[in-house]
């Protein structure tokens, strides 16, 4: 049918697949709920935070805002990076994966209000 399927996007995808206009034609946007190992609760938390506080500006902003939700695990964020959900914010997936540990720890520290690492 030659309908383009767009990759998941942390700022554009909903829970399910949805139709959107891309380059002047209809396309299907991959839903976050279809990403393996992310989980329904994580997707719901991400969508809720995005709806309440606006689009994510970068992965650090994403982690600061979703980290209080225990359902958004590091493994889920890794899967989101690997499938390209953050490509619109930072197109180099390898760099994001390498920076994830440090960014994750920083988000945990902010949440706990301590200088120690909380996992």
PDB file of N, CA and C in Angstrom:
ATOM      1  N   UNK A   1       0.822  -1.198   0.000  1.00  0.00           N
ATOM      2  CA  UNK A   1       0.000   0.000   0.000  1.00  0.00           C
ATOM      3  C   UNK A   1       0.863   1.257   0.000  1.00  0.00           C
ATOM      4  N   UNK A   2       2.160   1.097   0.193  1.00  0.00           N
ATOM      5  CA  UNK A   2       3.120   2.199   0.139  1.00  0.00           C
ATOM      6  C   UNK A   2       2.807   3.336   1.106  1.00  0.00           C
ATOM      7  N   UNK A   3       2.299   2.987   2.280  1.00  0.00           N
ATOM      8  CA  UNK A   3       2.079   3.963   3.333  1.00  0.00           C
ATOM      9  C   UNK A   3       3.327   3.965   4.204  1.00  0.00           C
ATOM     10  N   UNK A   4       4.004   5.116   4.346  1.00  0.00           N
ATOM     11  CA  UNK A   4       5.218   5.143   5.163  1.00  0.00           C
ATOM     12  C   UNK A   4       4.913   4.836   6.637  1.00  0.00           C
ATOM     13  N   UNK A   5       5.812   4.099   7.260  1.00  0.00           N
ATOM     14  CA  UNK A   5       5.729   3.845   8.695  1.00  0.00           C
ATOM     15  C   UNK A   5       6.878   4.611   9.340  1.00  0.00           C
ATOM     16  N   UNK A   6       6.513   5.575  10.180  1.00  0.00           N
ATOM     17  CA  UNK A   6       7.502   6.421  10.845  1.00  0.00           C
ATOM     18  C   UNK A   6       7.954   5.774  12.146  1.00  0.00           C
ATOM     19  N   UNK A   7       9.196   5.970  12.512  1.00  0.00           N
ATOM     20  CA  UNK A   7       9.703   5.355  13.746  1.00  0.00           C
ATOM     21  C   UNK A   7       9.045   5.974  14.979  1.00  0.00           C
ATOM     22  N   UNK A   8       9.175   5.298  16.110  1.00  0.00           N
ATOM     23  CA  UNK A   8       8.647   5.880  17.344  1.00  0.00           C
ATOM     24  C   UNK A   8       9.405   7.165  17.670  1.00  0.00           C
ATOM     25  N   UNK A   9       8.706   8.105  18.281  1.00  0.00           N
ATOM     26  CA  UNK A   9       9.299   9.385  18.649  1.00  0.00           C
ATOM     27  C   UNK A   9       8.793   9.753  20.041  1.00  0.00           C
ATOM     28  N   UNK A  10       9.698  10.060  20.930  1.00  0.00           N
ATOM     29  CA  UNK A  10       9.355  10.349  22.322  1.00  0.00           C
ATOM     30  C   UNK A  10       8.404  11.543  22.447  1.00  0.00           C
ATOM     31  N   UNK A  11       8.422  12.448  21.461  1.00  0.00           N
ATOM     32  CA  UNK A  11       7.560  13.626  21.496  1.00  0.00           C
ATOM     33  C   UNK A  11       6.342  13.551  20.583  1.00  0.00           C
ATOM     34  N   UNK A  12       6.275  12.553  19.706  1.00  0.00           N
ATOM     35  CA  UNK A  12       5.171  12.487  18.751  1.00  0.00           C
ATOM     36  C   UNK A  12       4.316  11.243  18.888  1.00  0.00           C
ATOM     37  N   UNK A  13       4.891  10.153  19.324  1.00  0.00           N
ATOM     38  CA  UNK A  13       4.158   8.887  19.390  1.00  0.00           C
ATOM     39  C   UNK A  13       3.164   8.893  20.536  1.00  0.00           C
ATOM     40  N   UNK A  14       2.041   8.244  20.285  1.00  0.00           N
ATOM     41  CA  UNK A  14       1.091   7.954  21.338  1.00  0.00           C
ATOM     42  C   UNK A  14       1.329   6.538  21.838  1.00  0.00           C
ATOM     43  N   UNK A  15       0.349   6.013  22.533  1.00  0.00           N
ATOM     44  CA  UNK A  15       0.465   4.638  23.007  1.00  0.00           C
ATOM     45  C   UNK A  15       0.392   3.670  21.821  1.00  0.00           C
ATOM     46  N   UNK A  16      -0.604   3.892  20.960  1.00  0.00           N
ATOM     47  CA  UNK A  16      -0.827   3.021  19.806  1.00  0.00           C
ATOM     48  C   UNK A  16      -0.269   3.657  18.540  1.00  0.00           C
ATOM     49  N   UNK A  17      -0.261   2.874  17.474  1.00  0.00           N
ATOM     50  CA  UNK A  17       0.066   3.407  16.158  1.00  0.00           C
ATOM     51  C   UNK A  17      -0.989   4.451  15.825  1.00  0.00           C
ATOM     52  N   UNK A  18      -0.583   5.522  15.105  1.00  0.00           N
ATOM     53  CA  UNK A  18      -1.558   6.530  14.708  1.00  0.00           C
ATOM     54  C   UNK A  18      -1.178   7.113  13.356  1.00  0.00           C
ATOM     55  N   UNK A  19      -2.185   7.685  12.726  1.00  0.00           N
ATOM     56  CA  UNK A  19      -1.991   8.313  11.423  1.00  0.00           C
ATOM     57  C   UNK A  19      -1.569   9.766  11.642  1.00  0.00           C
ATOM     58  N   UNK A  20      -0.570  10.210  10.877  1.00  0.00           N
ATOM     59  CA  UNK A  20      -0.173  11.618  10.899  1.00  0.00           C
ATOM     60  C   UNK A  20       0.267  12.013   9.496  1.00  0.00           C
ATOM     61  N   UNK A  21       0.348  13.295   9.281  1.00  0.00           N
ATOM     62  CA  UNK A  21       0.815  13.790   7.995  1.00  0.00           C
ATOM     63  C   UNK A  21       2.310  14.024   8.079  1.00  0.00           C
ATOM     64  N   UNK A  22       3.031  13.493   7.091  1.00  0.00           N
ATOM     65  CA  UNK A  22       4.481  13.625   7.043  1.00  0.00           C
ATOM     66  C   UNK A  22       4.878  13.906   5.601  1.00  0.00           C
ATOM     67  N   UNK A  23       5.565  15.013   5.393  1.00  0.00           N
ATOM     68  CA  UNK A  23       5.970  15.420   4.035  1.00  0.00           C
ATOM     69  C   UNK A  23       4.778  15.471   3.084  1.00  0.00           C
ATOM     70  N   UNK A  24       3.650  15.965   3.593  1.00  0.00           N
ATOM     71  CA  UNK A  24       2.468  16.151   2.757  1.00  0.00           C
ATOM     72  C   UNK A  24       1.655  14.910   2.465  1.00  0.00           C
ATOM     73  N   UNK A  25       2.000  13.791   3.075  1.00  0.00           N
ATOM     74  CA  UNK A  25       1.215  12.574   2.856  1.00  0.00           C
ATOM     75  C   UNK A  25       0.945  11.874   4.176  1.00  0.00           C
ATOM     76  N   UNK A  26      -0.051  11.030   4.162  1.00  0.00           N
ATOM     77  CA  UNK A  26      -0.417  10.267   5.362  1.00  0.00           C
ATOM     78  C   UNK A  26       0.661   9.221   5.650  1.00  0.00           C
ATOM     79  N   UNK A  27       0.943   9.051   6.939  1.00  0.00           N
ATOM     80  CA  UNK A  27       1.930   8.063   7.375  1.00  0.00           C
ATOM     81  C   UNK A  27       1.449   7.471   8.690  1.00  0.00           C
ATOM     82  N   UNK A  28       2.000   6.345   9.038  1.00  0.00           N
ATOM     83  CA  UNK A  28       1.687   5.695  10.311  1.00  0.00           C
ATOM     84  C   UNK A  28       2.865   5.902  11.247  1.00  0.00           C
ATOM     85  N   UNK A  29       2.602   6.466  12.432  1.00  0.00           N
ATOM     86  CA  UNK A  29       3.641   6.672  13.453  1.00  0.00           C
ATOM     87  C   UNK A  29       3.606   5.469  14.394  1.00  0.00           C
ATOM     88  N   UNK A  30       4.746   4.851  14.589  1.00  0.00           N
ATOM     89  CA  UNK A  30       4.902   3.698  15.483  1.00  0.00           C
ATOM     90  C   UNK A  30       4.545   4.118  16.907  1.00  0.00           C
ATOM     91  N   UNK A  31       3.739   3.343  17.582  1.00  0.00           N
ATOM     92  CA  UNK A  31       3.309   3.647  18.948  1.00  0.00           C
ATOM     93  C   UNK A  31       4.301   3.167  19.990  1.00  0.00           C
ATOM     94  N   UNK A  32       4.432   3.935  21.084  1.00  0.00           N
ATOM     95  CA  UNK A  32       5.352   3.559  22.164  1.00  0.00           C
ATOM     96  C   UNK A  32       4.928   2.254  22.835  1.00  0.00           C
ATOM     97  N   UNK A  33       3.639   1.976  22.845  1.00  0.00           N
ATOM     98  CA  UNK A  33       3.137   0.751  23.467  1.00  0.00           C
ATOM     99  C   UNK A  33       3.551  -0.511  22.735  1.00  0.00           C
ATOM    100  N   UNK A  34       4.032  -0.372  21.512  1.00  0.00           N
ATOM    101  CA  UNK A  34       4.448  -1.533  20.720  1.00  0.00           C
ATOM    102  C   UNK A  34       5.932  -1.843  20.855  1.00  0.00           C
ATOM    103  N   UNK A  35       6.640  -1.047  21.652  1.00  0.00           N
ATOM    104  CA  UNK A  35       8.074  -1.256  21.806  1.00  0.00           C
ATOM    105  C   UNK A  35       8.315  -2.321  22.876  1.00  0.00           C
ATOM    106  N   UNK A  36       8.998  -3.361  22.486  1.00  0.00           N
ATOM    107  CA  UNK A  36       9.275  -4.480  23.383  1.00  0.00           C
ATOM    108  C   UNK A  36      10.108  -4.016  24.580  1.00  0.00           C
ATOM    109  N   UNK A  37       9.771  -4.523  25.744  1.00  0.00           N
ATOM    110  CA  UNK A  37      10.480  -4.301  27.008  1.00  0.00           C
ATOM    111  C   UNK A  37      10.323  -2.900  27.592  1.00  0.00           C
ATOM    112  N   UNK A  38       9.393  -2.105  27.076  1.00  0.00           N
ATOM    113  CA  UNK A  38       9.155  -0.791  27.674  1.00  0.00           C
ATOM    114  C   UNK A  38       8.042  -0.892  28.706  1.00  0.00           C
ATOM    115  N   UNK A  39       6.977  -1.543  28.383  1.00  0.00           N
ATOM    116  CA  UNK A  39       5.903  -1.793  29.335  1.00  0.00           C
ATOM    117  C   UNK A  39       4.819  -0.732  29.321  1.00  0.00           C
ATOM    118  N   UNK A  40       3.594  -1.191  29.564  1.00  0.00           N
ATOM    119  CA  UNK A  40       2.427  -0.315  29.545  1.00  0.00           C
ATOM    120  C   UNK A  40       2.513   0.811  30.570  1.00  0.00           C
ATOM    121  N   UNK A  41       2.925   0.484  31.792  1.00  0.00           N
ATOM    122  CA  UNK A  41       2.989   1.507  32.840  1.00  0.00           C
ATOM    123  C   UNK A  41       4.017   2.587  32.514  1.00  0.00           C
ATOM    124  N   UNK A  42       5.138   2.203  31.936  1.00  0.00           N
ATOM    125  CA  UNK A  42       6.161   3.176  31.553  1.00  0.00           C
ATOM    126  C   UNK A  42       5.627   4.104  30.461  1.00  0.00           C
ATOM    127  N   UNK A  43       4.970   3.525  29.460  1.00  0.00           N
ATOM    128  CA  UNK A  43       4.423   4.344  28.375  1.00  0.00           C
ATOM    129  C   UNK A  43       3.379   5.309  28.920  1.00  0.00           C
ATOM    130  N   UNK A  44       2.500   4.823  29.773  1.00  0.00           N
ATOM    131  CA  UNK A  44       1.474   5.694  30.357  1.00  0.00           C
ATOM    132  C   UNK A  44       2.106   6.831  31.160  1.00  0.00           C
ATOM    133  N   UNK A  45       3.153   6.537  31.916  1.00  0.00           N
ATOM    134  CA  UNK A  45       3.836   7.582  32.687  1.00  0.00           C
ATOM    135  C   UNK A  45       4.481   8.619  31.767  1.00  0.00           C
ATOM    136  N   UNK A  46       5.131   8.156  30.718  1.00  0.00           N
ATOM    137  CA  UNK A  46       5.790   9.058  29.758  1.00  0.00           C
ATOM    138  C   UNK A  46       4.756   9.972  29.108  1.00  0.00           C
ATOM    139  N   UNK A  47       3.653   9.398  28.640  1.00  0.00           N
ATOM    140  CA  UNK A  47       2.624  10.190  27.976  1.00  0.00           C
ATOM    141  C   UNK A  47       1.983  11.195  28.938  1.00  0.00           C
ATOM    142  N   UNK A  48       1.794  10.788  30.176  1.00  0.00           N
ATOM    143  CA  UNK A  48       1.202  11.683  31.171  1.00  0.00           C
ATOM    144  C   UNK A  48       2.123  12.874  31.448  1.00  0.00           C
ATOM    145  N   UNK A  49       3.411  12.615  31.647  1.00  0.00           N
ATOM    146  CA  UNK A  49       4.379  13.685  31.905  1.00  0.00           C
ATOM    147  C   UNK A  49       4.448  14.625  30.703  1.00  0.00           C
ATOM    148  N   UNK A  50       4.469  14.062  29.514  1.00  0.00           N
ATOM    149  CA  UNK A  50       4.538  14.883  28.298  1.00  0.00           C
ATOM    150  C   UNK A  50       3.290  15.747  28.147  1.00  0.00           C
ATOM    151  N   UNK A  51       2.134  15.175  28.439  1.00  0.00           N
ATOM    152  CA  UNK A  51       0.886  15.918  28.319  1.00  0.00           C
ATOM    153  C   UNK A  51       0.813  17.047  29.355  1.00  0.00           C
ATOM    154  N   UNK A  52       1.252  16.785  30.563  1.00  0.00           N
ATOM    155  CA  UNK A  52       1.162  17.774  31.639  1.00  0.00           C
ATOM    156  C   UNK A  52       2.211  18.877  31.531  1.00  0.00           C
ATOM    157  N   UNK A  53       3.412  18.542  31.044  1.00  0.00           N
ATOM    158  CA  UNK A  53       4.527  19.497  31.093  1.00  0.00           C
ATOM    159  C   UNK A  53       5.149  19.826  29.746  1.00  0.00           C
ATOM    160  N   UNK A  54       4.585  19.341  28.658  1.00  0.00           N
ATOM    161  CA  UNK A  54       5.088  19.679  27.336  1.00  0.00           C
ATOM    162  C   UNK A  54       6.127  18.710  26.805  1.00  0.00           C
ATOM    163  N   UNK A  55       6.595  19.016  25.606  1.00  0.00           N
ATOM    164  CA  UNK A  55       7.545  18.151  24.913  1.00  0.00           C
ATOM    165  C   UNK A  55       8.886  18.090  25.644  1.00  0.00           C
ATOM    166  N   UNK A  56       9.577  16.990  25.450  1.00  0.00           N
ATOM    167  CA  UNK A  56      10.905  16.815  26.034  1.00  0.00           C
ATOM    168  C   UNK A  56      11.921  17.538  25.157  1.00  0.00           C
ATOM    169  N   UNK A  57      12.903  18.195  25.777  1.00  0.00           N
ATOM    170  CA  UNK A  57      13.898  18.953  25.018  1.00  0.00           C
ATOM    171  C   UNK A  57      15.159  18.149  24.738  1.00  0.00           C
ATOM    172  N   UNK A  58      15.483  17.208  25.611  1.00  0.00           N
ATOM    173  CA  UNK A  58      16.633  16.326  25.430  1.00  0.00           C
ATOM    174  C   UNK A  58      16.478  15.156  26.388  1.00  0.00           C
ATOM    175  N   UNK A  59      17.404  14.225  26.348  1.00  0.00           N
ATOM    176  CA  UNK A  59      17.262  13.029  27.187  1.00  0.00           C
ATOM    177  C   UNK A  59      17.413  13.359  28.676  1.00  0.00           C
ATOM    178  N   UNK A  60      18.231  14.346  29.010  1.00  0.00           N
ATOM    179  CA  UNK A  60      18.368  14.741  30.419  1.00  0.00           C
ATOM    180  C   UNK A  60      17.038  15.292  30.935  1.00  0.00           C
ATOM    181  N   UNK A  61      16.374  16.117  30.138  1.00  0.00           N
ATOM    182  CA  UNK A  61      15.056  16.647  30.502  1.00  0.00           C
ATOM    183  C   UNK A  61      14.065  15.502  30.667  1.00  0.00           C
ATOM    184  N   UNK A  62      14.092  14.550  29.752  1.00  0.00           N
ATOM    185  CA  UNK A  62      13.222  13.379  29.826  1.00  0.00           C
ATOM    186  C   UNK A  62      13.436  12.636  31.152  1.00  0.00           C
ATOM    187  N   UNK A  63      14.695  12.358  31.488  1.00  0.00           N
ATOM    188  CA  UNK A  63      14.988  11.599  32.711  1.00  0.00           C
ATOM    189  C   UNK A  63      14.607  12.370  33.962  1.00  0.00           C
ATOM    190  N   UNK A  64      14.857  13.664  33.984  1.00  0.00           N
ATOM    191  CA  UNK A  64      14.461  14.483  35.146  1.00  0.00           C
ATOM    192  C   UNK A  64      12.960  14.404  35.375  1.00  0.00           C
ATOM    193  N   UNK A  65      12.215  14.423  34.304  1.00  0.00           N
ATOM    194  CA  UNK A  65      10.762  14.486  34.425  1.00  0.00           C
ATOM    195  C   UNK A  65      10.079  13.140  34.628  1.00  0.00           C
ATOM    196  N   UNK A  66      10.619  12.063  34.066  1.00  0.00           N
ATOM    197  CA  UNK A  66       9.955  10.763  34.200  1.00  0.00           C
ATOM    198  C   UNK A  66      10.549   9.905  35.308  1.00  0.00           C
ATOM    199  N   UNK A  67      11.713  10.248  35.782  1.00  0.00           N
ATOM    200  CA  UNK A  67      12.403   9.415  36.767  1.00  0.00           C
ATOM    201  C   UNK A  67      11.626   9.195  38.058  1.00  0.00           C
ATOM    202  N   UNK A  68      10.790  10.118  38.509  1.00  0.00           N
ATOM    203  CA  UNK A  68      10.008   9.801  39.712  1.00  0.00           C
ATOM    204  C   UNK A  68       9.045   8.621  39.526  1.00  0.00           C
ATOM    205  N   UNK A  69       8.754   8.271  38.285  1.00  0.00           N
ATOM    206  CA  UNK A  69       7.862   7.140  38.006  1.00  0.00           C
ATOM    207  C   UNK A  69       8.691   5.868  37.965  1.00  0.00           C
ATOM    208  N   UNK A  70       8.539   5.041  38.944  1.00  0.00           N
ATOM    209  CA  UNK A  70       9.356   3.831  39.057  1.00  0.00           C
ATOM    210  C   UNK A  70       9.152   2.864  37.895  1.00  0.00           C
ATOM    211  N   UNK A  71       8.057   3.015  37.173  1.00  0.00           N
ATOM    212  CA  UNK A  71       7.795   2.116  36.044  1.00  0.00           C
ATOM    213  C   UNK A  71       8.702   2.414  34.852  1.00  0.00           C
ATOM    214  N   UNK A  72       9.317   3.601  34.821  1.00  0.00           N
ATOM    215  CA  UNK A  72      10.236   3.947  33.734  1.00  0.00           C
ATOM    216  C   UNK A  72      11.634   3.513  34.175  1.00  0.00           C
ATOM    217  N   UNK A  73      12.009   2.312  33.783  1.00  0.00           N
ATOM    218  CA  UNK A  73      13.270   1.732  34.218  1.00  0.00           C
ATOM    219  C   UNK A  73      14.393   2.099  33.251  1.00  0.00           C
ATOM    220  N   UNK A  74      15.593   1.873  33.705  1.00  0.00           N
ATOM    221  CA  UNK A  74      16.745   2.118  32.837  1.00  0.00           C
ATOM    222  C   UNK A  74      16.684   1.220  31.601  1.00  0.00           C
ATOM    223  N   UNK A  75      16.265  -0.014  31.785  1.00  0.00           N
ATOM    224  CA  UNK A  75      16.142  -0.941  30.652  1.00  0.00           C
ATOM    225  C   UNK A  75      15.121  -0.422  29.640  1.00  0.00           C
ATOM    226  N   UNK A  76      14.025   0.160  30.123  1.00  0.00           N
ATOM    227  CA  UNK A  76      13.019   0.723  29.221  1.00  0.00           C
ATOM    228  C   UNK A  76      13.599   1.892  28.431  1.00  0.00           C
ATOM    229  N   UNK A  77      14.372   2.749  29.100  1.00  0.00           N
ATOM    230  CA  UNK A  77      14.989   3.895  28.412  1.00  0.00           C
ATOM    231  C   UNK A  77      15.995   3.393  27.379  1.00  0.00           C
ATOM    232  N   UNK A  78      16.759   2.371  27.706  1.00  0.00           N
ATOM    233  CA  UNK A  78      17.698   1.793  26.743  1.00  0.00           C
ATOM    234  C   UNK A  78      16.959   1.301  25.497  1.00  0.00           C
ATOM    235  N   UNK A  79      15.833   0.636  25.697  1.00  0.00           N
ATOM    236  CA  UNK A  79      15.052   0.150  24.558  1.00  0.00           C
ATOM    237  C   UNK A  79      14.532   1.318  23.721  1.00  0.00           C
ATOM    238  N   UNK A  80      14.070   2.370  24.370  1.00  0.00           N
ATOM    239  CA  UNK A  80      13.601   3.553  23.643  1.00  0.00           C
ATOM    240  C   UNK A  80      14.717   4.164  22.804  1.00  0.00           C
ATOM    241  N   UNK A  81      15.905   4.218  23.363  1.00  0.00           N
ATOM    242  CA  UNK A  81      17.054   4.745  22.614  1.00  0.00           C
ATOM    243  C   UNK A  81      17.356   3.849  21.420  1.00  0.00           C
ATOM    244  N   UNK A  82      17.405   2.541  21.654  1.00  0.00           N
ATOM    245  CA  UNK A  82      17.786   1.595  20.602  1.00  0.00           C
ATOM    246  C   UNK A  82      16.819   1.577  19.427  1.00  0.00           C
ATOM    247  N   UNK A  83      15.534   1.835  19.667  1.00  0.00           N
ATOM    248  CA  UNK A  83      14.569   1.838  18.565  1.00  0.00           C
ATOM    249  C   UNK A  83      14.455   3.205  17.901  1.00  0.00           C
ATOM    250  N   UNK A  84      15.164   4.194  18.434  1.00  0.00           N
ATOM    251  CA  UNK A  84      15.181   5.504  17.791  1.00  0.00           C
ATOM    252  C   UNK A  84      14.177   6.503  18.314  1.00  0.00           C
ATOM    253  N   UNK A  85      13.577   6.251  19.463  1.00  0.00           N
ATOM    254  CA  UNK A  85      12.563   7.168  19.989  1.00  0.00           C
ATOM    255  C   UNK A  85      13.135   8.543  20.355  1.00  0.00           C
ATOM    256  N   UNK A  86      14.447   8.629  20.547  1.00  0.00           N
ATOM    257  CA  UNK A  86      15.085   9.911  20.876  1.00  0.00           C
ATOM    258  C   UNK A  86      15.824  10.521  19.692  1.00  0.00           C
ATOM    259  N   UNK A  87      15.727   9.926  18.514  1.00  0.00           N
ATOM    260  CA  UNK A  87      16.480  10.404  17.346  1.00  0.00           C
ATOM    261  C   UNK A  87      16.171  11.859  16.996  1.00  0.00           C
ATOM    262  N   UNK A  88      14.952  12.308  17.240  1.00  0.00           N
ATOM    263  CA  UNK A  88      14.606  13.699  16.917  1.00  0.00           C
ATOM    264  C   UNK A  88      15.274  14.679  17.880  1.00  0.00           C
ATOM    265  N   UNK A  89      15.691  14.195  19.047  1.00  0.00           N
ATOM    266  CA  UNK A  89      16.368  15.047  20.029  1.00  0.00           C
ATOM    267  C   UNK A  89      17.883  14.936  19.924  1.00  0.00           C
ATOM    268  N   UNK A  90      18.343  13.730  19.626  1.00  0.00           N
ATOM    269  CA  UNK A  90      19.786  13.475  19.493  1.00  0.00           C
ATOM    270  C   UNK A  90      19.947  12.245  18.599  1.00  0.00           C
ATOM    271  N   UNK A  91      20.402  12.429  17.371  1.00  0.00           N
ATOM    272  CA  UNK A  91      20.392  11.320  16.411  1.00  0.00           C
ATOM    273  C   UNK A  91      21.448  10.240  16.624  1.00  0.00           C
ATOM    274  N   UNK A  92      22.410  10.442  17.511  1.00  0.00           N
ATOM    275  CA  UNK A  92      23.453   9.443  17.701  1.00  0.00           C
ATOM    276  C   UNK A  92      23.078   8.534  18.880  1.00  0.00           C
ATOM    277  N   UNK A  93      22.537   7.378  18.567  1.00  0.00           N
ATOM    278  CA  UNK A  93      22.069   6.444  19.596  1.00  0.00           C
ATOM    279  C   UNK A  93      23.213   5.932  20.463  1.00  0.00           C
ATOM    280  N   UNK A  94      24.357   5.689  19.855  1.00  0.00           N
ATOM    281  CA  UNK A  94      25.509   5.183  20.613  1.00  0.00           C
ATOM    282  C   UNK A  94      25.929   6.190  21.686  1.00  0.00           C
ATOM    283  N   UNK A  95      25.961   7.461  21.342  1.00  0.00           N
ATOM    284  CA  UNK A  95      26.310   8.494  22.326  1.00  0.00           C
ATOM    285  C   UNK A  95      25.299   8.519  23.467  1.00  0.00           C
ATOM    286  N   UNK A  96      24.016   8.399  23.130  1.00  0.00           N
ATOM    287  CA  UNK A  96      22.993   8.392  24.180  1.00  0.00           C
ATOM    288  C   UNK A  96      23.163   7.192  25.105  1.00  0.00           C
ATOM    289  N   UNK A  97      23.419   6.035  24.526  1.00  0.00           N
ATOM    290  CA  UNK A  97      23.609   4.834  25.350  1.00  0.00           C
ATOM    291  C   UNK A  97      24.834   4.978  26.260  1.00  0.00           C
ATOM    292  N   UNK A  98      25.899   5.574  25.724  1.00  0.00           N
ATOM    293  CA  UNK A  98      27.107   5.778  26.536  1.00  0.00           C
ATOM    294  C   UNK A  98      26.874   6.781  27.658  1.00  0.00           C
ATOM    295  N   UNK A  99      26.050   7.793  27.408  1.00  0.00           N
ATOM    296  CA  UNK A  99      25.799   8.832  28.406  1.00  0.00           C
ATOM    297  C   UNK A  99      24.709   8.431  29.398  1.00  0.00           C
ATOM    298  N   UNK A 100      23.967   7.380  29.097  1.00  0.00           N
ATOM    299  CA  UNK A 100      22.805   7.028  29.902  1.00  0.00           C
ATOM    300  C   UNK A 100      23.143   6.780  31.366  1.00  0.00           C
ATOM    301  N   UNK A 101      24.208   6.069  31.655  1.00  0.00           N
ATOM    302  CA  UNK A 101      24.532   5.765  33.055  1.00  0.00           C
ATOM    303  C   UNK A 101      24.721   7.053  33.863  1.00  0.00           C
ATOM    304  N   UNK A 102      25.511   7.973  33.342  1.00  0.00           N
ATOM    305  CA  UNK A 102      25.741   9.238  34.033  1.00  0.00           C
ATOM    306  C   UNK A 102      24.449  10.036  34.173  1.00  0.00           C
ATOM    307  N   UNK A 103      23.675  10.143  33.101  1.00  0.00           N
ATOM    308  CA  UNK A 103      22.426  10.897  33.148  1.00  0.00           C
ATOM    309  C   UNK A 103      21.412  10.249  34.090  1.00  0.00           C
ATOM    310  N   UNK A 104      21.383   8.935  34.095  1.00  0.00           N
ATOM    311  CA  UNK A 104      20.479   8.195  34.982  1.00  0.00           C
ATOM    312  C   UNK A 104      20.836   8.480  36.438  1.00  0.00           C
ATOM    313  N   UNK A 105      22.127   8.399  36.748  1.00  0.00           N
ATOM    314  CA  UNK A 105      22.579   8.668  38.117  1.00  0.00           C
ATOM    315  C   UNK A 105      22.261  10.099  38.542  1.00  0.00           C
ATOM    316  N   UNK A 106      22.455  11.058  37.640  1.00  0.00           N
ATOM    317  CA  UNK A 106      22.143  12.458  37.947  1.00  0.00           C
ATOM    318  C   UNK A 106      20.656  12.635  38.222  1.00  0.00           C
ATOM    319  N   UNK A 107      19.815  11.999  37.432  1.00  0.00           N
ATOM    320  CA  UNK A 107      18.370  12.093  37.641  1.00  0.00           C
ATOM    321  C   UNK A 107      17.976  11.476  38.976  1.00  0.00           C
ATOM    322  N   UNK A 108      18.622  10.375  39.341  1.00  0.00           N
ATOM    323  CA  UNK A 108      18.345   9.730  40.626  1.00  0.00           C
ATOM    324  C   UNK A 108      18.770  10.620  41.782  1.00  0.00           C
ATOM    325  N   UNK A 109      19.921  11.259  41.657  1.00  0.00           N
ATOM    326  CA  UNK A 109      20.413  12.156  42.711  1.00  0.00           C
ATOM    327  C   UNK A 109      19.463  13.326  42.909  1.00  0.00           C
ATOM    328  N   UNK A 110      18.994  13.903  41.820  1.00  0.00           N
ATOM    329  CA  UNK A 110      18.059  15.023  41.925  1.00  0.00           C
ATOM    330  C   UNK A 110      16.789  14.601  42.619  1.00  0.00           C
ATOM    331  N   UNK A 111      16.311  13.423  42.286  1.00  0.00           N
ATOM    332  CA  UNK A 111      15.078  12.930  42.877  1.00  0.00           C
ATOM    333  C   UNK A 111      15.228  12.693  44.375  1.00  0.00           C
ATOM    334  N   UNK A 112      16.354  12.112  44.758  1.00  0.00           N
ATOM    335  CA  UNK A 112      16.551  11.763  46.168  1.00  0.00           C
ATOM    336  C   UNK A 112      17.066  12.930  46.994  1.00  0.00           C
ATOM    337  N   UNK A 113      17.626  13.939  46.301  1.00  0.00           N
ATOM    338  CA  UNK A 113      18.165  15.092  47.008  1.00  0.00           C
ATOM    339  C   UNK A 113      19.457  14.787  47.738  1.00  0.00           C
ATOM    340  N   UNK A 114      20.143  13.714  47.314  1.00  0.00           N
ATOM    341  CA  UNK A 114      21.398  13.343  47.952  1.00  0.00           C
ATOM    342  C   UNK A 114      22.520  13.395  46.941  1.00  0.00           C
ATOM    343  N   UNK A 115      23.730  13.317  47.442  1.00  0.00           N
ATOM    344  CA  UNK A 115      24.868  13.268  46.545  1.00  0.00           C
ATOM    345  C   UNK A 115      25.280  11.851  46.221  1.00  0.00           C
ATOM    346  N   UNK A 116      24.688  10.879  46.900  1.00  0.00           N
ATOM    347  CA  UNK A 116      25.000   9.471  46.641  1.00  0.00           C
ATOM    348  C   UNK A 116      24.202   8.954  45.461  1.00  0.00           C
ATOM    349  N   UNK A 117      24.637   7.865  44.930  1.00  0.00           N
ATOM    350  CA  UNK A 117      23.974   7.264  43.784  1.00  0.00           C
ATOM    351  C   UNK A 117      22.831   6.397  44.293  1.00  0.00           C
ATOM    352  N   UNK A 118      21.651   6.601  43.742  1.00  0.00           N
ATOM    353  CA  UNK A 118      20.475   5.815  44.084  1.00  0.00           C
ATOM    354  C   UNK A 118      20.029   5.092  42.827  1.00  0.00           C
ATOM    355  N   UNK A 119      19.842   3.815  42.905  1.00  0.00           N
ATOM    356  CA  UNK A 119      19.413   3.040  41.711  1.00  0.00           C
ATOM    357  C   UNK A 119      18.094   2.378  41.979  1.00  0.00           C
TER     358      UNK A 119
END
